[in-house]
Amino acid sequence: MNQIQEVYGKKVNQGKVFYYVRFKGKPESENSWVPAESLGNLNEIPGKFEIKSNEESVIRTRKGSFSAGDEVEKVVQIVWNEEKNESMGEIQWKSNTLYNSLYPLNYLHELCPKEMCEVYYSLLKFTYTP
């Protein structure tokens, strides 16, 4: 596994702990959620999420949801869901007390088109050849 530069977040999904990490030498666009057991000794990682600050150690109250009227901050990443055999977008909600949520991309295109355009634009690579 790549070396971890910093841990930015923590979540629990179906009883498993995941950390949102940035890998050394990689751009922020390649940050990802990694299972805790894959990280080894978290005490050796600089900027550990749990001790960065009290402000970041917010207790998440519930999973964010469109049906609850929660506002979308951004689409964090696009992932492939093997179980459902479809592409999913991970939503970060404006309220920092909400867990991130996964939704099918076709659903997100309808509910948050601006945020979907932003994530697609961030993935574009432009090259110029004279």
Foldseek 3Di string as FASTA:
>chain_A
DAAFAEWQAWDADPNWIWTFTDGPPDDLLPTDTDTPVVRPDLVPHPHYQVPVDPVSVAAADEADDVVVVFAFPAFNDWDADPVVRAIWTWTDTPDSNHDIDIDGPVVCCVVPVPRVVVNVVVPDDDDDDD
